[in-house]
């Protein structure tokens, strides 16, 4: 059955974003050949939300303490592109990747599935 998930970010500056993910976010990775890095993600979960019309996909990093996480990232030179806003489901912010893309981060207020035992 399914044993993992593979997420792809499309980037106008893939090399810079890879370096950012490795060096700033500190995610370990493997070289799949020719410098093509694939990173190990922290535990993950998937949710399905209703929508009218065509579906879409979104990606968020999660954290336990968004203020602390953003403080640590800004100390490493990361730009916060969207300040913290409170949602009913959590506290949300975004950081800027070197390519200019925004990467959302949130601190959930809801129970999380990644703590479930296998």
N, C-alpha and C. Protein backbone atom coordinates (compact mmCIF):
# COMPACT_ATOMS: atom_id res chain seq x y z
N UNK A 1 0.84 -1.18 0.00
CA UNK A 1 0.00 0.00 0.00
C UNK A 1 0.89 1.24 0.00
N UNK A 2 0.31 2.39 0.19
CA UNK A 2 1.06 3.65 0.17
C UNK A 2 2.01 3.70 1.36
N UNK A 3 3.27 4.07 1.11
CA UNK A 3 4.24 4.13 2.19
C UNK A 3 4.91 5.48 2.35
N UNK A 4 4.58 6.45 1.49
CA UNK A 4 5.19 7.78 1.57
C UNK A 4 4.46 8.72 0.63
N UNK A 5 4.85 9.97 0.66
CA UNK A 5 4.32 10.98 -0.27
C UNK A 5 5.50 11.73 -0.87
N UNK A 6 5.37 12.15 -2.10
CA UNK A 6 6.40 12.92 -2.79
C UNK A 6 5.76 14.22 -3.24
N UNK A 7 6.30 15.33 -2.79
CA UNK A 7 5.75 16.65 -3.11
C UNK A 7 6.76 17.37 -3.99
N UNK A 8 6.29 18.04 -5.02
CA UNK A 8 7.17 18.77 -5.93
C UNK A 8 6.84 20.25 -5.87
N UNK A 9 7.87 21.07 -5.65
CA UNK A 9 7.76 22.52 -5.77
C UNK A 9 8.31 22.88 -7.14
N UNK A 10 7.59 23.63 -7.92
CA UNK A 10 8.12 24.16 -9.16
C UNK A 10 8.67 25.55 -8.86
N UNK A 11 9.88 25.82 -9.29
CA UNK A 11 10.57 27.03 -8.89
C UNK A 11 11.30 27.66 -10.07
N UNK A 12 11.33 28.97 -10.11
CA UNK A 12 12.11 29.68 -11.13
C UNK A 12 13.59 29.73 -10.76
N UNK A 13 13.92 29.36 -9.52
CA UNK A 13 15.32 29.27 -9.08
C UNK A 13 15.46 28.04 -8.19
N UNK A 14 15.35 26.87 -8.80
CA UNK A 14 15.33 25.61 -8.06
C UNK A 14 16.60 25.42 -7.23
N UNK A 15 17.75 25.76 -7.76
CA UNK A 15 19.00 25.56 -7.02
C UNK A 15 19.00 26.38 -5.73
N UNK A 16 18.63 27.65 -5.81
CA UNK A 16 18.59 28.49 -4.61
C UNK A 16 17.58 27.97 -3.60
N UNK A 17 16.42 27.54 -4.07
CA UNK A 17 15.41 27.00 -3.15
C UNK A 17 15.88 25.70 -2.52
N UNK A 18 16.61 24.87 -3.27
CA UNK A 18 17.15 23.63 -2.69
C UNK A 18 18.15 23.94 -1.59
N UNK A 19 19.04 24.90 -1.84
CA UNK A 19 20.03 25.30 -0.84
C UNK A 19 19.31 25.84 0.41
N UNK A 20 18.28 26.63 0.21
CA UNK A 20 17.49 27.18 1.31
C UNK A 20 16.87 26.06 2.14
N UNK A 21 16.25 25.11 1.49
CA UNK A 21 15.60 24.01 2.19
C UNK A 21 16.63 23.19 2.96
N UNK A 22 17.79 22.97 2.36
CA UNK A 22 18.84 22.19 3.02
C UNK A 22 19.51 22.98 4.15
N UNK A 23 19.98 24.20 3.85
CA UNK A 23 20.82 24.94 4.79
C UNK A 23 20.04 25.78 5.80
N UNK A 24 18.93 26.37 5.39
CA UNK A 24 18.18 27.24 6.29
C UNK A 24 17.12 26.45 7.06
N UNK A 25 16.33 25.66 6.35
CA UNK A 25 15.31 24.87 7.03
C UNK A 25 15.89 23.61 7.67
N UNK A 26 17.09 23.22 7.23
CA UNK A 26 17.79 22.10 7.87
C UNK A 26 17.25 20.73 7.55
N UNK A 27 16.61 20.57 6.38
CA UNK A 27 16.09 19.27 6.01
C UNK A 27 17.18 18.43 5.34
N UNK A 28 17.30 17.19 5.77
CA UNK A 28 18.28 16.27 5.19
C UNK A 28 17.75 15.79 3.84
N UNK A 29 18.67 15.44 2.97
CA UNK A 29 18.24 14.97 1.65
C UNK A 29 19.22 14.01 1.03
N UNK A 30 18.81 13.50 -0.10
CA UNK A 30 19.66 12.62 -0.88
C UNK A 30 19.83 13.22 -2.27
N UNK A 31 20.96 12.90 -2.88
CA UNK A 31 21.20 13.32 -4.26
C UNK A 31 20.68 12.21 -5.16
N UNK A 32 19.63 12.50 -5.90
CA UNK A 32 19.02 11.51 -6.78
C UNK A 32 19.79 11.39 -8.09
N UNK A 33 20.88 12.14 -8.22
CA UNK A 33 21.71 12.11 -9.42
C UNK A 33 21.87 13.50 -9.99
N UNK A 34 23.09 13.87 -10.31
CA UNK A 34 23.36 15.16 -10.92
C UNK A 34 23.04 16.35 -10.04
N UNK A 35 23.11 16.18 -8.73
CA UNK A 35 22.82 17.29 -7.82
C UNK A 35 21.34 17.52 -7.57
N UNK A 36 20.51 16.64 -8.07
CA UNK A 36 19.06 16.76 -7.90
C UNK A 36 18.71 16.29 -6.49
N UNK A 37 18.47 17.22 -5.57
CA UNK A 37 18.24 16.88 -4.18
C UNK A 37 16.77 16.57 -3.91
N UNK A 38 16.55 15.52 -3.15
CA UNK A 38 15.22 15.16 -2.68
C UNK A 38 15.31 15.13 -1.16
N UNK A 39 14.42 15.88 -0.50
CA UNK A 39 14.51 16.09 0.94
C UNK A 39 13.54 15.23 1.73
N UNK A 40 14.01 14.81 2.90
CA UNK A 40 13.15 14.11 3.84
C UNK A 40 12.30 15.15 4.55
N UNK A 41 11.01 14.91 4.59
CA UNK A 41 10.11 15.81 5.29
C UNK A 41 9.83 15.32 6.70
N UNK A 42 9.42 16.24 7.56
CA UNK A 42 8.94 15.81 8.87
C UNK A 42 7.64 15.03 8.68
N UNK A 43 7.12 14.44 9.76
CA UNK A 43 5.83 13.74 9.62
C UNK A 43 4.81 14.63 8.91
N UNK A 44 3.91 14.00 8.19
CA UNK A 44 2.95 14.76 7.40
C UNK A 44 1.55 14.22 7.62
N UNK A 45 0.59 15.00 7.17
CA UNK A 45 -0.80 14.58 7.18
C UNK A 45 -1.48 15.16 5.95
N UNK A 46 -2.62 14.63 5.59
CA UNK A 46 -3.36 15.11 4.43
C UNK A 46 -4.81 15.34 4.85
N UNK A 47 -5.38 16.40 4.38
CA UNK A 47 -6.79 16.71 4.65
C UNK A 47 -7.49 16.94 3.32
N UNK A 48 -8.77 16.63 3.27
CA UNK A 48 -9.57 16.85 2.07
C UNK A 48 -10.69 17.82 2.43
N UNK A 49 -10.70 18.96 1.75
CA UNK A 49 -11.69 20.00 2.01
C UNK A 49 -12.66 20.08 0.84
N UNK A 50 -13.92 20.37 1.10
CA UNK A 50 -14.88 20.52 0.00
C UNK A 50 -14.62 21.82 -0.77
N UNK A 51 -14.91 21.80 -2.05
CA UNK A 51 -14.77 22.99 -2.90
C UNK A 51 -15.74 22.89 -4.06
N UNK A 52 -16.26 24.00 -4.49
CA UNK A 52 -17.05 24.04 -5.72
C UNK A 52 -16.10 24.21 -6.89
N UNK A 53 -16.29 23.50 -7.95
CA UNK A 53 -15.42 23.62 -9.12
C UNK A 53 -14.25 22.67 -9.03
N UNK A 54 -13.19 23.00 -9.77
CA UNK A 54 -12.00 22.16 -9.83
C UNK A 54 -11.23 22.19 -8.52
N UNK A 55 -10.67 21.06 -8.15
CA UNK A 55 -9.88 20.99 -6.94
C UNK A 55 -8.52 21.63 -7.11
N UNK A 56 -7.81 21.78 -6.02
CA UNK A 56 -6.45 22.33 -6.03
C UNK A 56 -5.68 21.68 -4.90
N UNK A 57 -4.39 21.91 -4.84
CA UNK A 57 -3.52 21.36 -3.82
C UNK A 57 -2.77 22.49 -3.16
N UNK A 58 -2.53 22.37 -1.86
CA UNK A 58 -1.77 23.36 -1.11
C UNK A 58 -0.76 22.62 -0.24
N UNK A 59 0.31 23.31 0.13
CA UNK A 59 1.35 22.74 0.99
C UNK A 59 1.66 23.74 2.10
N UNK A 60 1.69 23.26 3.32
CA UNK A 60 2.04 24.08 4.48
C UNK A 60 3.04 23.31 5.34
N UNK A 61 4.06 24.00 5.84
CA UNK A 61 4.86 23.42 6.92
C UNK A 61 4.12 23.72 8.21
N UNK A 62 4.24 22.82 9.18
CA UNK A 62 3.59 22.99 10.48
C UNK A 62 4.66 23.15 11.56
N UNK A 63 4.30 23.86 12.62
CA UNK A 63 5.22 24.04 13.75
C UNK A 63 4.42 24.07 15.04
N UNK A 64 5.12 23.91 16.17
CA UNK A 64 4.47 23.94 17.47
C UNK A 64 4.33 25.35 18.02
N UNK A 65 5.23 26.26 17.63
CA UNK A 65 5.25 27.62 18.16
C UNK A 65 5.66 28.56 17.02
N UNK A 66 4.69 29.21 16.42
CA UNK A 66 4.96 30.00 15.22
C UNK A 66 5.84 31.21 15.50
N UNK A 67 5.67 31.85 16.66
CA UNK A 67 6.54 33.00 16.97
C UNK A 67 8.00 32.56 17.07
N UNK A 68 8.24 31.48 17.79
CA UNK A 68 9.60 30.97 17.94
C UNK A 68 10.18 30.56 16.58
N UNK A 69 9.38 29.87 15.78
CA UNK A 69 9.85 29.42 14.46
C UNK A 69 10.22 30.62 13.59
N UNK A 70 9.37 31.63 13.55
CA UNK A 70 9.66 32.80 12.72
C UNK A 70 10.86 33.59 13.25
N UNK A 71 11.02 33.65 14.56
CA UNK A 71 12.19 34.31 15.15
C UNK A 71 13.47 33.60 14.73
N UNK A 72 13.46 32.26 14.81
CA UNK A 72 14.63 31.48 14.40
C UNK A 72 14.93 31.67 12.92
N UNK A 73 13.90 31.69 12.09
CA UNK A 73 14.10 31.85 10.65
C UNK A 73 14.58 33.25 10.29
N UNK A 74 14.02 34.28 10.92
CA UNK A 74 14.48 35.64 10.61
C UNK A 74 15.93 35.85 11.07
N UNK A 75 16.34 35.16 12.14
CA UNK A 75 17.74 35.24 12.59
C UNK A 75 18.68 34.65 11.54
N UNK A 76 18.14 33.77 10.68
CA UNK A 76 18.93 33.18 9.59
C UNK A 76 18.79 33.99 8.31
N UNK A 77 18.13 35.15 8.38
CA UNK A 77 18.00 36.01 7.21
C UNK A 77 16.75 35.77 6.38
N UNK A 78 15.83 34.96 6.85
CA UNK A 78 14.62 34.65 6.11
C UNK A 78 13.65 35.83 6.22
N UNK A 79 13.00 36.15 5.10
CA UNK A 79 12.00 37.21 5.06
C UNK A 79 10.62 36.63 5.33
N UNK A 80 9.90 37.27 6.23
CA UNK A 80 8.51 36.89 6.48
C UNK A 80 7.67 37.65 5.45
N UNK A 81 6.99 36.93 4.59
CA UNK A 81 6.20 37.57 3.53
C UNK A 81 4.76 37.84 3.95
N UNK A 82 4.24 37.06 4.87
CA UNK A 82 2.90 37.27 5.42
C UNK A 82 3.00 37.12 6.93
N UNK A 83 2.67 38.18 7.65
CA UNK A 83 2.72 38.15 9.11
C UNK A 83 1.67 37.18 9.66
N UNK A 84 1.80 36.84 10.91
CA UNK A 84 0.90 35.88 11.56
C UNK A 84 -0.53 36.42 11.56
N UNK A 85 -1.43 35.55 11.11
CA UNK A 85 -2.86 35.83 11.23
C UNK A 85 -3.51 34.64 11.93
N UNK A 86 -4.52 34.94 12.70
CA UNK A 86 -5.25 33.88 13.41
C UNK A 86 -6.40 33.40 12.56
N UNK A 87 -6.43 32.11 12.36
CA UNK A 87 -7.53 31.45 11.69
C UNK A 87 -8.23 30.57 12.73
N UNK A 88 -9.41 30.12 12.45
CA UNK A 88 -10.10 29.24 13.40
C UNK A 88 -9.33 27.95 13.58
N UNK A 89 -8.58 27.50 12.59
CA UNK A 89 -7.86 26.23 12.60
C UNK A 89 -6.39 26.34 13.02
N UNK A 90 -5.87 27.60 13.15
CA UNK A 90 -4.48 27.76 13.55
C UNK A 90 -3.97 29.16 13.30
N UNK A 91 -2.68 29.33 13.54
CA UNK A 91 -2.01 30.62 13.33
C UNK A 91 -1.13 30.47 12.10
N UNK A 92 -1.31 31.32 11.12
CA UNK A 92 -0.71 31.18 9.80
C UNK A 92 0.19 32.35 9.46
N UNK A 93 1.33 32.05 8.84
CA UNK A 93 2.25 33.05 8.30
C UNK A 93 2.88 32.46 7.05
N UNK A 94 3.66 33.26 6.34
CA UNK A 94 4.40 32.77 5.18
C UNK A 94 5.80 33.35 5.19
N UNK A 95 6.74 32.57 4.67
CA UNK A 95 8.11 33.04 4.48
C UNK A 95 8.40 33.06 2.99
N UNK A 96 9.42 33.82 2.61
CA UNK A 96 9.79 33.97 1.21
C UNK A 96 10.95 33.04 0.89
N UNK A 97 10.77 32.21 -0.15
CA UNK A 97 11.86 31.38 -0.66
C UNK A 97 12.76 32.25 -1.54
N UNK A 98 14.01 31.84 -1.76
CA UNK A 98 14.90 32.62 -2.63
C UNK A 98 14.32 32.87 -4.02
N UNK A 99 13.50 31.95 -4.53
CA UNK A 99 12.89 32.13 -5.86
C UNK A 99 11.82 33.20 -5.87
N UNK A 100 11.39 33.64 -4.68
CA UNK A 100 10.32 34.62 -4.59
C UNK A 100 8.98 34.01 -4.23
N UNK A 101 8.89 32.68 -4.26
CA UNK A 101 7.65 32.01 -3.89
C UNK A 101 7.42 32.10 -2.38
N UNK A 102 6.16 32.15 -1.99
CA UNK A 102 5.81 32.13 -0.58
C UNK A 102 5.65 30.69 -0.11
N UNK A 103 6.08 30.42 1.12
CA UNK A 103 5.94 29.11 1.73
C UNK A 103 5.17 29.29 3.03
N UNK A 104 3.92 28.82 3.09
CA UNK A 104 3.12 28.99 4.30
C UNK A 104 3.58 28.06 5.43
N UNK A 105 3.47 28.59 6.64
CA UNK A 105 3.79 27.85 7.86
C UNK A 105 2.64 28.10 8.83
N UNK A 106 2.20 27.04 9.52
CA UNK A 106 1.17 27.30 10.52
C UNK A 106 1.32 26.46 11.76
N UNK A 107 0.79 27.02 12.84
CA UNK A 107 0.71 26.35 14.13
C UNK A 107 -0.73 25.92 14.30
N UNK A 108 -1.01 24.62 14.23
CA UNK A 108 -2.40 24.18 14.26
C UNK A 108 -3.05 24.35 15.63
N UNK A 109 -4.35 24.63 15.60
CA UNK A 109 -5.18 24.63 16.81
C UNK A 109 -6.01 23.35 16.88
N UNK A 110 -5.94 22.52 15.86
CA UNK A 110 -6.74 21.31 15.78
C UNK A 110 -5.89 20.09 16.13
N UNK A 111 -6.52 18.98 16.44
CA UNK A 111 -5.74 17.75 16.64
C UNK A 111 -4.99 17.41 15.34
N UNK A 112 -3.80 16.85 15.48
CA UNK A 112 -3.01 16.51 14.31
C UNK A 112 -2.91 15.00 14.15
N UNK A 113 -2.87 14.58 12.91
CA UNK A 113 -2.80 13.15 12.60
C UNK A 113 -1.38 12.61 12.68
N UNK A 114 -0.37 13.47 12.60
CA UNK A 114 1.00 12.97 12.57
C UNK A 114 1.46 12.39 13.90
N UNK A 115 0.69 12.58 14.96
CA UNK A 115 1.04 11.98 16.25
C UNK A 115 0.46 10.58 16.43
N UNK A 116 -0.36 10.15 15.46
CA UNK A 116 -0.94 8.81 15.54
C UNK A 116 0.15 7.77 15.40
N UNK A 117 0.00 6.68 16.12
CA UNK A 117 0.97 5.59 15.98
C UNK A 117 0.64 4.79 14.73
N UNK A 118 1.68 4.26 14.09
CA UNK A 118 1.50 3.44 12.89
C UNK A 118 0.85 2.11 13.22
